[in-house]
Amino acid sequence: MAKRKRRAKQGSLVLICAWCNTKIPPDTEVFSIATKKLPGIDLSNHEGKFIPLHLALAKKRVEGFVAPKGSPAKKDGYDVVFVACSENCGRALKTALQKEKEAAGLMSMN
C-alpha cells in the first residue's frame, strides 16, 4: 500500500472507497494504492479518468483512476491509483490485485 496519505478537502470530488464502496467524508484521511497495468493493455485514452476494473477472483468491481502523463504516480511508474477509506480496505484491495496478477501468471506487485 502506498505510504502517501491525504485528507479529502471540503468542496472536493466526492471520494468513494474502491474496496468497500463507502463514501469518504470530507476532511477524512484516505489511503492510496497504486499499481501497474497488465502488459499489452493501453490506457492512454483513459488518462485522468476513473475506470471500472473487474477482479474475477474477488468477485468485485473496483474503480481506479488512470494516472495521466506527468503525474507523480506516473513518474513513480504506476498506471492506476485506487482510493481506500482505511488501511484494512487498502490491504484487502492490494491483496486482491496481487492475486489477480499472480493468477494471470505475472510477477507480484511491488
PDB file of N, CA and C in Angstrom:
ATOM      1  N   MET A   1       0.857  -1.170   0.000  1.00  0.00           N
ATOM      2  CA  MET A   1       0.000   0.000   0.000  1.00  0.00           C
ATOM      3  C   MET A   1       0.894   1.220   0.000  1.00  0.00           C
ATOM      4  N   ALA A   2       0.543   2.198  -0.791  1.00  0.00           N
ATOM      5  CA  ALA A   2       1.329   3.421  -0.853  1.00  0.00           C
ATOM      6  C   ALA A   2       1.336   4.112   0.498  1.00  0.00           C
ATOM      7  N   LYS A   3       2.442   4.727   0.801  1.00  0.00           N
ATOM      8  CA  LYS A   3       2.559   5.412   2.080  1.00  0.00           C
ATOM      9  C   LYS A   3       1.947   6.802   2.024  1.00  0.00           C
ATOM     10  N   ARG A   4       1.623   7.250   0.839  1.00  0.00           N
ATOM     11  CA  ARG A   4       1.042   8.578   0.713  1.00  0.00           C
ATOM     12  C   ARG A   4      -0.359   8.591   1.293  1.00  0.00           C
ATOM     13  N   LYS A   5      -0.612   9.578   2.089  1.00  0.00           N
ATOM     14  CA  LYS A   5      -1.944   9.769   2.647  1.00  0.00           C
ATOM     15  C   LYS A   5      -2.314  11.223   2.402  1.00  0.00           C
ATOM     16  N   ARG A   6      -3.569  11.480   2.290  1.00  0.00           N
ATOM     17  CA  ARG A   6      -4.006  12.866   2.184  1.00  0.00           C
ATOM     18  C   ARG A   6      -5.386  12.976   2.786  1.00  0.00           C
ATOM     19  N   ARG A   7      -5.811  14.173   3.001  1.00  0.00           N
ATOM     20  CA  ARG A   7      -7.147  14.398   3.532  1.00  0.00           C
ATOM     21  C   ARG A   7      -8.029  14.933   2.411  1.00  0.00           C
ATOM     22  N   ALA A   8      -9.242  14.410   2.327  1.00  0.00           N
ATOM     23  CA  ALA A   8     -10.219  14.924   1.375  1.00  0.00           C
ATOM     24  C   ALA A   8     -10.623  16.307   1.855  1.00  0.00           C
ATOM     25  N   LYS A   9     -10.667  17.262   0.940  1.00  0.00           N
ATOM     26  CA  LYS A   9     -10.977  18.642   1.331  1.00  0.00           C
ATOM     27  C   LYS A   9     -12.428  18.977   1.036  1.00  0.00           C
ATOM     28  N   GLN A  10     -12.942  19.912   1.816  1.00  0.00           N
ATOM     29  CA  GLN A  10     -14.305  20.395   1.607  1.00  0.00           C
ATOM     30  C   GLN A  10     -14.440  20.891   0.173  1.00  0.00           C
ATOM     31  N   GLY A  11     -15.540  20.580  -0.456  1.00  0.00           N
ATOM     32  CA  GLY A  11     -15.803  21.062  -1.803  1.00  0.00           C
ATOM     33  C   GLY A  11     -15.054  20.286  -2.876  1.00  0.00           C
ATOM     34  N   SER A  12     -14.308  19.260  -2.502  1.00  0.00           N
ATOM     35  CA  SER A  12     -13.568  18.478  -3.481  1.00  0.00           C
ATOM     36  C   SER A  12     -14.453  17.365  -4.034  1.00  0.00           C
ATOM     37  N   LEU A  13     -13.917  16.646  -4.961  1.00  0.00           N
ATOM     38  CA  LEU A  13     -14.587  15.496  -5.537  1.00  0.00           C
ATOM     39  C   LEU A  13     -15.020  14.543  -4.429  1.00  0.00           C
ATOM     40  N   VAL A  14     -16.205  13.993  -4.530  1.00  0.00           N
ATOM     41  CA  VAL A  14     -16.664  13.014  -3.548  1.00  0.00           C
ATOM     42  C   VAL A  14     -15.842  11.747  -3.763  1.00  0.00           C
ATOM     43  N   LEU A  15     -15.218  11.289  -2.694  1.00  0.00           N
ATOM     44  CA  LEU A  15     -14.397  10.092  -2.788  1.00  0.00           C
ATOM     45  C   LEU A  15     -15.159   8.888  -2.267  1.00  0.00           C
ATOM     46  N   ILE A  16     -14.978   7.771  -2.943  1.00  0.00           N
ATOM     47  CA  ILE A  16     -15.608   6.514  -2.551  1.00  0.00           C
ATOM     48  C   ILE A  16     -14.513   5.461  -2.478  1.00  0.00           C
ATOM     49  N   CYS A  17     -14.526   4.691  -1.417  1.00  0.00           N
ATOM     50  CA  CYS A  17     -13.535   3.637  -1.226  1.00  0.00           C
ATOM     51  C   CYS A  17     -13.664   2.615  -2.357  1.00  0.00           C
ATOM     52  N   ALA A  18     -12.550   2.330  -3.020  1.00  0.00           N
ATOM     53  CA  ALA A  18     -12.562   1.376  -4.132  1.00  0.00           C
ATOM     54  C   ALA A  18     -12.915  -0.031  -3.660  1.00  0.00           C
ATOM     55  N   TRP A  19     -12.625  -0.363  -2.409  1.00  0.00           N
ATOM     56  CA  TRP A  19     -12.855  -1.717  -1.925  1.00  0.00           C
ATOM     57  C   TRP A  19     -14.262  -1.921  -1.361  1.00  0.00           C
ATOM     58  N   CYS A  20     -14.678  -1.056  -0.430  1.00  0.00           N
ATOM     59  CA  CYS A  20     -15.968  -1.285   0.248  1.00  0.00           C
ATOM     60  C   CYS A  20     -17.088  -0.364  -0.251  1.00  0.00           C
ATOM     61  N   ASN A  21     -16.766   0.522  -1.171  1.00  0.00           N
ATOM     62  CA  ASN A  21     -17.731   1.466  -1.767  1.00  0.00           C
ATOM     63  C   ASN A  21     -18.353   2.437  -0.767  1.00  0.00           C
ATOM     64  N   THR A  22     -17.693   2.654   0.354  1.00  0.00           N
ATOM     65  CA  THR A  22     -18.182   3.609   1.343  1.00  0.00           C
ATOM     66  C   THR A  22     -17.813   5.022   0.907  1.00  0.00           C
ATOM     67  N   LYS A  23     -18.762   5.929   1.040  1.00  0.00           N
ATOM     68  CA  LYS A  23     -18.499   7.332   0.758  1.00  0.00           C
ATOM     69  C   LYS A  23     -17.549   7.856   1.842  1.00  0.00           C
ATOM     70  N   ILE A  24     -16.468   8.512   1.426  1.00  0.00           N
ATOM     71  CA  ILE A  24     -15.474   9.022   2.364  1.00  0.00           C
ATOM     72  C   ILE A  24     -15.792  10.484   2.650  1.00  0.00           C
ATOM     73  N   PRO A  25     -16.108  10.809   3.901  1.00  0.00           N
ATOM     74  CA  PRO A  25     -16.479  12.187   4.239  1.00  0.00           C
ATOM     75  C   PRO A  25     -15.318  13.161   4.022  1.00  0.00           C
ATOM     76  N   PRO A  26     -15.647  14.437   3.769  1.00  0.00           N
ATOM     77  CA  PRO A  26     -14.606  15.452   3.651  1.00  0.00           C
ATOM     78  C   PRO A  26     -13.772  15.500   4.938  1.00  0.00           C
ATOM     79  N   ASP A  27     -12.544  15.940   4.820  1.00  0.00           N
ATOM     80  CA  ASP A  27     -11.612  16.077   5.939  1.00  0.00           C
ATOM     81  C   ASP A  27     -11.326  14.756   6.633  1.00  0.00           C
ATOM     82  N   THR A  28     -11.397  13.664   5.881  1.00  0.00           N
ATOM     83  CA  THR A  28     -11.091  12.339   6.402  1.00  0.00           C
ATOM     84  C   THR A  28      -9.835  11.833   5.710  1.00  0.00           C
ATOM     85  N   GLU A  29      -8.984  11.166   6.459  1.00  0.00           N
ATOM     86  CA  GLU A  29      -7.775  10.595   5.885  1.00  0.00           C
ATOM     87  C   GLU A  29      -8.145   9.517   4.875  1.00  0.00           C
ATOM     88  N   VAL A  30      -7.450   9.523   3.738  1.00  0.00           N
ATOM     89  CA  VAL A  30      -7.654   8.496   2.715  1.00  0.00           C
ATOM     90  C   VAL A  30      -6.311   7.827   2.420  1.00  0.00           C
ATOM     91  N   PHE A  31      -6.375   6.651   1.857  1.00  0.00           N
ATOM     92  CA  PHE A  31      -5.186   5.871   1.543  1.00  0.00           C
ATOM     93  C   PHE A  31      -5.187   5.565   0.057  1.00  0.00           C
ATOM     94  N   SER A  32      -4.007   5.544  -0.540  1.00  0.00           N
ATOM     95  CA  SER A  32      -3.926   5.252  -1.969  1.00  0.00           C
ATOM     96  C   SER A  32      -3.166   3.961  -2.199  1.00  0.00           C
ATOM     97  N   ILE A  33      -3.614   3.239  -3.204  1.00  0.00           N
ATOM     98  CA  ILE A  33      -2.986   2.004  -3.635  1.00  0.00           C
ATOM     99  C   ILE A  33      -2.718   2.188  -5.117  1.00  0.00           C
ATOM    100  N   ALA A  34      -1.472   2.050  -5.515  1.00  0.00           N
ATOM    101  CA  ALA A  34      -1.116   2.247  -6.914  1.00  0.00           C
ATOM    102  C   ALA A  34      -0.590   0.945  -7.493  1.00  0.00           C
ATOM    103  N   THR A  35      -0.882   0.723  -8.763  1.00  0.00           N
ATOM    104  CA  THR A  35      -0.426  -0.498  -9.426  1.00  0.00           C
ATOM    105  C   THR A  35      -0.059  -0.196 -10.874  1.00  0.00           C
ATOM    106  N   LYS A  36       0.637  -1.142 -11.465  1.00  0.00           N
ATOM    107  CA  LYS A  36       0.995  -1.051 -12.876  1.00  0.00           C
ATOM    108  C   LYS A  36      -0.040  -1.816 -13.690  1.00  0.00           C
ATOM    109  N   LYS A  37      -0.243  -1.383 -14.909  1.00  0.00           N
ATOM    110  CA  LYS A  37      -1.197  -2.074 -15.786  1.00  0.00           C
ATOM    111  C   LYS A  37      -0.602  -3.397 -16.248  1.00  0.00           C
ATOM    112  N   LEU A  38      -1.462  -4.285 -16.696  1.00  0.00           N
ATOM    113  CA  LEU A  38      -1.001  -5.544 -17.256  1.00  0.00           C
ATOM    114  C   LEU A  38      -0.367  -5.287 -18.621  1.00  0.00           C
ATOM    115  N   PRO A  39       0.630  -6.072 -18.991  1.00  0.00           N
ATOM    116  CA  PRO A  39       1.260  -5.899 -20.304  1.00  0.00           C
ATOM    117  C   PRO A  39       0.225  -6.016 -21.420  1.00  0.00           C
ATOM    118  N   GLY A  40       0.392  -5.195 -22.423  1.00  0.00           N
ATOM    119  CA  GLY A  40      -0.491  -5.249 -23.582  1.00  0.00           C
ATOM    120  C   GLY A  40      -1.767  -4.442 -23.455  1.00  0.00           C
ATOM    121  N   ILE A  41      -1.995  -3.835 -22.300  1.00  0.00           N
ATOM    122  CA  ILE A  41      -3.203  -3.030 -22.113  1.00  0.00           C
ATOM    123  C   ILE A  41      -2.847  -1.566 -22.341  1.00  0.00           C
ATOM    124  N   ASP A  42      -3.616  -0.906 -23.194  1.00  0.00           N
ATOM    125  CA  ASP A  42      -3.394   0.508 -23.499  1.00  0.00           C
ATOM    126  C   ASP A  42      -4.440   1.338 -22.765  1.00  0.00           C
ATOM    127  N   LEU A  43      -3.991   2.146 -21.816  1.00  0.00           N
ATOM    128  CA  LEU A  43      -4.896   3.006 -21.047  1.00  0.00           C
ATOM    129  C   LEU A  43      -4.794   4.471 -21.457  1.00  0.00           C
ATOM    130  N   SER A  44      -4.083   4.755 -22.533  1.00  0.00           N
ATOM    131  CA  SER A  44      -3.828   6.149 -22.911  1.00  0.00           C
ATOM    132  C   SER A  44      -5.110   6.954 -23.150  1.00  0.00           C
ATOM    133  N   ASN A  45      -6.172   6.314 -23.624  1.00  0.00           N
ATOM    134  CA  ASN A  45      -7.436   7.037 -23.848  1.00  0.00           C
ATOM    135  C   ASN A  45      -8.199   7.298 -22.558  1.00  0.00           C
ATOM    136  N   HIS A  46      -7.733   6.721 -21.458  1.00  0.00           N
ATOM    137  CA  HIS A  46      -8.427   6.858 -20.180  1.00  0.00           C
ATOM    138  C   HIS A  46      -7.649   7.688 -19.163  1.00  0.00           C
ATOM    139  N   GLU A  47      -6.503   8.247 -19.568  1.00  0.00           N
ATOM    140  CA  GLU A  47      -5.683   9.015 -18.627  1.00  0.00           C
ATOM    141  C   GLU A  47      -6.497  10.143 -18.004  1.00  0.00           C
ATOM    142  N   GLY A  48      -6.376  10.261 -16.681  1.00  0.00           N
ATOM    143  CA  GLY A  48      -7.094  11.310 -15.964  1.00  0.00           C
ATOM    144  C   GLY A  48      -8.551  10.983 -15.687  1.00  0.00           C
ATOM    145  N   LYS A  49      -8.941   9.735 -15.905  1.00  0.00           N
ATOM    146  CA  LYS A  49     -10.339   9.323 -15.700  1.00  0.00           C
ATOM    147  C   LYS A  49     -10.401   8.095 -14.790  1.00  0.00           C
ATOM    148  N   PHE A  50     -11.561   7.920 -14.165  1.00  0.00           N
ATOM    149  CA  PHE A  50     -11.821   6.709 -13.395  1.00  0.00           C
ATOM    150  C   PHE A  50     -12.318   5.630 -14.352  1.00  0.00           C
ATOM    151  N   ILE A  51     -11.848   4.402 -14.125  1.00  0.00           N
ATOM    152  CA  ILE A  51     -12.302   3.278 -14.943  1.00  0.00           C
ATOM    153  C   ILE A  51     -12.700   2.123 -14.024  1.00  0.00           C
ATOM    154  N   PRO A  52     -13.695   1.341 -14.424  1.00  0.00           N
ATOM    155  CA  PRO A  52     -14.065   0.163 -13.633  1.00  0.00           C
ATOM    156  C   PRO A  52     -13.144  -1.002 -13.979  1.00  0.00           C
ATOM    157  N   LEU A  53     -12.777  -1.764 -12.971  1.00  0.00           N
ATOM    158  CA  LEU A  53     -11.970  -2.966 -13.173  1.00  0.00           C
ATOM    159  C   LEU A  53     -12.668  -4.124 -12.466  1.00  0.00           C
ATOM    160  N   HIS A  54     -12.770  -5.252 -13.155  1.00  0.00           N
ATOM    161  CA  HIS A  54     -13.399  -6.424 -12.547  1.00  0.00           C
ATOM    162  C   HIS A  54     -12.310  -7.326 -11.988  1.00  0.00           C
ATOM    163  N   LEU A  55     -12.391  -7.618 -10.695  1.00  0.00           N
ATOM    164  CA  LEU A  55     -11.472  -8.545 -10.053  1.00  0.00           C
ATOM    165  C   LEU A  55     -12.192  -9.891  -9.971  1.00  0.00           C
ATOM    166  N   ALA A  56     -11.876 -10.777 -10.898  1.00  0.00           N
ATOM    167  CA  ALA A  56     -12.604 -12.040 -11.031  1.00  0.00           C
ATOM    168  C   ALA A  56     -12.513 -12.901  -9.779  1.00  0.00           C
ATOM    169  N   LEU A  57     -11.316 -13.030  -9.213  1.00  0.00           N
ATOM    170  CA  LEU A  57     -11.147 -13.905  -8.053  1.00  0.00           C
ATOM    171  C   LEU A  57     -11.880 -13.377  -6.823  1.00  0.00           C
ATOM    172  N   ALA A  58     -11.893 -12.073  -6.648  1.00  0.00           N
ATOM    173  CA  ALA A  58     -12.566 -11.460  -5.503  1.00  0.00           C
ATOM    174  C   ALA A  58     -14.062 -11.246  -5.770  1.00  0.00           C
ATOM    175  N   LYS A  59     -14.454 -11.453  -7.022  1.00  0.00           N
ATOM    176  CA  LYS A  59     -15.834 -11.218  -7.437  1.00  0.00           C
ATOM    177  C   LYS A  59     -16.284  -9.817  -7.061  1.00  0.00           C
ATOM    178  N   LYS A  60     -15.422  -8.858  -7.427  1.00  0.00           N
ATOM    179  CA  LYS A  60     -15.686  -7.444  -7.116  1.00  0.00           C
ATOM    180  C   LYS A  60     -15.376  -6.582  -8.327  1.00  0.00           C
ATOM    181  N   ARG A  61     -16.065  -5.480  -8.398  1.00  0.00           N
ATOM    182  CA  ARG A  61     -15.779  -4.429  -9.377  1.00  0.00           C
ATOM    183  C   ARG A  61     -15.226  -3.258  -8.584  1.00  0.00           C
ATOM    184  N   VAL A  62     -14.080  -2.747  -8.993  1.00  0.00           N
ATOM    185  CA  VAL A  62     -13.470  -1.609  -8.305  1.00  0.00           C
ATOM    186  C   VAL A  62     -13.230  -0.492  -9.311  1.00  0.00           C
ATOM    187  N   GLU A  63     -13.173   0.728  -8.802  1.00  0.00           N
ATOM    188  CA  GLU A  63     -12.910   1.893  -9.647  1.00  0.00           C
ATOM    189  C   GLU A  63     -11.491   2.371  -9.392  1.00  0.00           C
ATOM    190  N   GLY A  64     -10.738   2.572 -10.453  1.00  0.00           N
ATOM    191  CA  GLY A  64      -9.383   3.077 -10.347  1.00  0.00           C
ATOM    192  C   GLY A  64      -9.210   4.314 -11.209  1.00  0.00           C
ATOM    193  N   PHE A  65      -8.296   5.173 -10.813  1.00  0.00           N
ATOM    194  CA  PHE A  65      -8.005   6.401 -11.543  1.00  0.00           C
ATOM    195  C   PHE A  65      -6.753   6.167 -12.377  1.00  0.00           C
ATOM    196  N   VAL A  66      -6.857   6.366 -13.680  1.00  0.00           N
ATOM    197  CA  VAL A  66      -5.716   6.175 -14.574  1.00  0.00           C
ATOM    198  C   VAL A  66      -4.827   7.414 -14.487  1.00  0.00           C
ATOM    199  N   ALA A  67      -3.597   7.196 -14.054  1.00  0.00           N
ATOM    200  CA  ALA A  67      -2.652   8.296 -13.853  1.00  0.00           C
ATOM    201  C   ALA A  67      -2.296   8.944 -15.190  1.00  0.00           C
ATOM    202  N   PRO A  68      -2.438  10.269 -15.266  1.00  0.00           N
ATOM    203  CA  PRO A  68      -2.075  10.960 -16.503  1.00  0.00           C
ATOM    204  C   PRO A  68      -0.564  11.141 -16.613  1.00  0.00           C
ATOM    205  N   LYS A  69      -0.083  11.319 -17.833  1.00  0.00           N
ATOM    206  CA  LYS A  69       1.339  11.579 -18.052  1.00  0.00           C
ATOM    207  C   LYS A  69       1.759  12.788 -17.220  1.00  0.00           C
ATOM    208  N   GLY A  70       2.931  12.704 -16.630  1.00  0.00           N
ATOM    209  CA  GLY A  70       3.462  13.812 -15.845  1.00  0.00           C
ATOM    210  C   GLY A  70       3.010  13.827 -14.401  1.00  0.00           C
ATOM    211  N   SER A  71       2.065  12.971 -14.034  1.00  0.00           N
ATOM    212  CA  SER A  71       1.588  12.936 -12.644  1.00  0.00           C
ATOM    213  C   SER A  71       2.635  12.261 -11.759  1.00  0.00           C
ATOM    214  N   PRO A  72       2.620  12.541 -10.444  1.00  0.00           N
ATOM    215  CA  PRO A  72       3.564  11.873  -9.543  1.00  0.00           C
ATOM    216  C   PRO A  72       3.472  10.352  -9.609  1.00  0.00           C
ATOM    217  N   ALA A  73       2.257   9.807  -9.696  1.00  0.00           N
ATOM    218  CA  ALA A  73       2.096   8.349  -9.764  1.00  0.00           C
ATOM    219  C   ALA A  73       2.755   7.800 -11.029  1.00  0.00           C
ATOM    220  N   LYS A  74       2.522   8.457 -12.152  1.00  0.00           N
ATOM    221  CA  LYS A  74       3.096   8.008 -13.426  1.00  0.00           C
ATOM    222  C   LYS A  74       4.621   8.103 -13.381  1.00  0.00           C
ATOM    223  N   LYS A  75       5.128   9.181 -12.790  1.00  0.00           N
ATOM    224  CA  LYS A  75       6.580   9.343 -12.666  1.00  0.00           C
ATOM    225  C   LYS A  75       7.183   8.255 -11.786  1.00  0.00           C
ATOM    226  N   ASP A  76       6.403   7.738 -10.823  1.00  0.00           N
ATOM    227  CA  ASP A  76       6.861   6.654  -9.956  1.00  0.00           C
ATOM    228  C   ASP A  76       6.669   5.281 -10.607  1.00  0.00           C
ATOM    229  N   GLY A  77       6.124   5.256 -11.839  1.00  0.00           N
ATOM    230  CA  GLY A  77       5.977   4.000 -12.570  1.00  0.00           C
ATOM    231  C   GLY A  77       4.632   3.321 -12.429  1.00  0.00           C
ATOM    232  N   TYR A  78       3.646   4.018 -11.864  1.00  0.00           N
ATOM    233  CA  TYR A  78       2.323   3.417 -11.672  1.00  0.00           C
ATOM    234  C   TYR A  78       1.342   3.923 -12.715  1.00  0.00           C
ATOM    235  N   ASP A  79       0.373   3.087 -13.041  1.00  0.00           N
ATOM    236  CA  ASP A  79      -0.606   3.421 -14.076  1.00  0.00           C
ATOM    237  C   ASP A  79      -2.001   3.679 -13.533  1.00  0.00           C
ATOM    238  N   VAL A  80      -2.377   2.980 -12.467  1.00  0.00           N
ATOM    239  CA  VAL A  80      -3.720   3.107 -11.912  1.00  0.00           C
ATOM    240  C   VAL A  80      -3.612   3.311 -10.407  1.00  0.00           C
ATOM    241  N   VAL A  81      -4.410   4.261  -9.891  1.00  0.00           N
ATOM    242  CA  VAL A  81      -4.409   4.573  -8.463  1.00  0.00           C
ATOM    243  C   VAL A  81      -5.822   4.357  -7.925  1.00  0.00           C
ATOM    244  N   PHE A  82      -5.893   3.727  -6.758  1.00  0.00           N
ATOM    245  CA  PHE A  82      -7.165   3.466  -6.095  1.00  0.00           C
ATOM    246  C   PHE A  82      -7.183   4.223  -4.774  1.00  0.00           C
ATOM    247  N   VAL A  83      -8.371   4.601  -4.319  1.00  0.00           N
ATOM    248  CA  VAL A  83      -8.545   5.276  -3.034  1.00  0.00           C
ATOM    249  C   VAL A  83      -9.225   4.302  -2.081  1.00  0.00           C
ATOM    250  N   ALA A  84      -8.721   4.249  -0.849  1.00  0.00           N
ATOM    251  CA  ALA A  84      -9.325   3.392   0.174  1.00  0.00           C
ATOM    252  C   ALA A  84      -9.635   4.226   1.407  1.00  0.00           C
ATOM    253  N   CYS A  85     -10.669   3.820   2.131  1.00  0.00           N
ATOM    254  CA  CYS A  85     -11.111   4.568   3.306  1.00  0.00           C
ATOM    255  C   CYS A  85     -10.337   4.201   4.562  1.00  0.00           C
ATOM    256  N   SER A  86      -9.625   3.084   4.534  1.00  0.00           N
ATOM    257  CA  SER A  86      -8.900   2.633   5.721  1.00  0.00           C
ATOM    258  C   SER A  86      -7.716   1.773   5.298  1.00  0.00           C
ATOM    259  N   GLU A  87      -6.818   1.553   6.243  1.00  0.00           N
ATOM    260  CA  GLU A  87      -5.692   0.662   5.959  1.00  0.00           C
ATOM    261  C   GLU A  87      -6.192  -0.748   5.684  1.00  0.00           C
ATOM    262  N   ASN A  88      -7.235  -1.186   6.380  1.00  0.00           N
ATOM    263  CA  ASN A  88      -7.786  -2.529   6.157  1.00  0.00           C
ATOM    264  C   ASN A  88      -8.306  -2.686   4.730  1.00  0.00           C
ATOM    265  N   CYS A  89      -9.061  -1.704   4.253  1.00  0.00           N
ATOM    266  CA  CYS A  89      -9.561  -1.766   2.878  1.00  0.00           C
ATOM    267  C   CYS A  89      -8.396  -1.692   1.892  1.00  0.00           C
ATOM    268  N   GLY A  90      -7.412  -0.879   2.181  1.00  0.00           N
ATOM    269  CA  GLY A  90      -6.244  -0.774   1.317  1.00  0.00           C
ATOM    270  C   GLY A  90      -5.497  -2.091   1.213  1.00  0.00           C
ATOM    271  N   ARG A  91      -5.303  -2.758   2.344  1.00  0.00           N
ATOM    272  CA  ARG A  91      -4.618  -4.060   2.338  1.00  0.00           C
ATOM    273  C   ARG A  91      -5.438  -5.106   1.575  1.00  0.00           C
ATOM    274  N   ALA A  92      -6.742  -5.116   1.793  1.00  0.00           N
ATOM    275  CA  ALA A  92      -7.606  -6.079   1.104  1.00  0.00           C
ATOM    276  C   ALA A  92      -7.555  -5.866  -0.410  1.00  0.00           C
ATOM    277  N   LEU A  93      -7.601  -4.616  -0.832  1.00  0.00           N
ATOM    278  CA  LEU A  93      -7.541  -4.304  -2.259  1.00  0.00           C
ATOM    279  C   LEU A  93      -6.189  -4.697  -2.835  1.00  0.00           C
ATOM    280  N   LYS A  94      -5.121  -4.362  -2.140  1.00  0.00           N
ATOM    281  CA  LYS A  94      -3.785  -4.699  -2.622  1.00  0.00           C
ATOM    282  C   LYS A  94      -3.639  -6.217  -2.761  1.00  0.00           C
ATOM    283  N   THR A  95      -4.124  -6.964  -1.779  1.00  0.00           N
ATOM    284  CA  THR A  95      -4.056  -8.423  -1.827  1.00  0.00           C
ATOM    285  C   THR A  95      -4.847  -8.958  -3.018  1.00  0.00           C
ATOM    286  N   ALA A  96      -6.044  -8.431  -3.236  1.00  0.00           N
ATOM    287  CA  ALA A  96      -6.880  -8.873  -4.360  1.00  0.00           C
ATOM    288  C   ALA A  96      -6.208  -8.569  -5.696  1.00  0.00           C
ATOM    289  N   LEU A  97      -5.618  -7.395  -5.824  1.00  0.00           N
ATOM    290  CA  LEU A  97      -4.918  -7.038  -7.065  1.00  0.00           C
ATOM    291  C   LEU A  97      -3.735  -7.968  -7.296  1.00  0.00           C
ATOM    292  N   GLN A  98      -3.007  -8.272  -6.239  1.00  0.00           N
ATOM    293  CA  GLN A  98      -1.852  -9.154  -6.359  1.00  0.00           C
ATOM    294  C   GLN A  98      -2.285 -10.561  -6.780  1.00  0.00           C
ATOM    295  N   LYS A  99      -3.360 -11.061  -6.211  1.00  0.00           N
ATOM    296  CA  LYS A  99      -3.857 -12.397  -6.569  1.00  0.00           C
ATOM    297  C   LYS A  99      -4.281 -12.449  -8.033  1.00  0.00           C
ATOM    298  N   GLU A 100      -4.907 -11.373  -8.513  1.00  0.00           N
ATOM    299  CA  GLU A 100      -5.316 -11.318  -9.919  1.00  0.00           C
ATOM    300  C   GLU A 100      -4.095 -11.385 -10.835  1.00  0.00           C
ATOM    301  N   LYS A 101      -3.054 -10.628 -10.477  1.00  0.00           N
ATOM    302  CA  LYS A 101      -1.839 -10.628 -11.299  1.00  0.00           C
ATOM    303  C   LYS A 101      -1.154 -11.986 -11.260  1.00  0.00           C
ATOM    304  N   GLU A 102      -1.105 -12.599 -10.073  1.00  0.00           N
ATOM    305  CA  GLU A 102      -0.482 -13.919  -9.953  1.00  0.00           C
ATOM    306  C   GLU A 102      -1.260 -14.962 -10.749  1.00  0.00           C
ATOM    307  N   ALA A 103      -2.580 -14.868 -10.724  1.00  0.00           N
ATOM    308  CA  ALA A 103      -3.412 -15.804 -11.484  1.00  0.00           C
ATOM    309  C   ALA A 103      -3.184 -15.653 -12.990  1.00  0.00           C
ATOM    310  N   ALA A 104      -2.841 -14.454 -13.394  1.00  0.00           N
ATOM    311  CA  ALA A 104      -2.564 -14.198 -14.817  1.00  0.00           C
ATOM    312  C   ALA A 104      -1.138 -14.615 -15.178  1.00  0.00           C
ATOM    313  N   GLY A 105      -0.379 -15.130 -14.192  1.00  0.00           N
ATOM    314  CA  GLY A 105       0.971 -15.590 -14.453  1.00  0.00           C
ATOM    315  C   GLY A 105       1.992 -14.492 -14.446  1.00  0.00           C
ATOM    316  N   LEU A 106       1.658 -13.378 -13.803  1.00  0.00           N
ATOM    317  CA  LEU A 106       2.576 -12.237 -13.752  1.00  0.00           C
ATOM    318  C   LEU A 106       3.272 -12.195 -12.391  1.00  0.00           C
ATOM    319  N   MET A 107       4.291 -11.406 -12.308  1.00  0.00           N
ATOM    320  CA  MET A 107       5.024 -11.274 -11.061  1.00  0.00           C
ATOM    321  C   MET A 107       4.215 -10.520 -10.028  1.00  0.00           C
ATOM    322  N   SER A 108       4.565 -10.650  -8.755  1.00  0.00           N
ATOM    323  CA  SER A 108       3.904  -9.947  -7.664  1.00  0.00           C
ATOM    324  C   SER A 108       4.084  -8.449  -7.800  1.00  0.00           C
ATOM    325  N   MET A 109       3.140  -7.712  -7.187  1.00  0.00           N
ATOM    326  CA  MET A 109       3.224  -6.252  -7.188  1.00  0.00           C
ATOM    327  C   MET A 109       4.380  -5.815  -6.309  1.00  0.00           C
ATOM    328  N   ASN A 110       4.912  -4.669  -6.623  1.00  0.00           N
ATOM    329  CA  ASN A 110       5.975  -4.090  -5.785  1.00  0.00           C
ATOM    330  C   ASN A 110       5.375  -3.382  -4.611  1.00  0.00           C
TER     331      ASN A 110
END
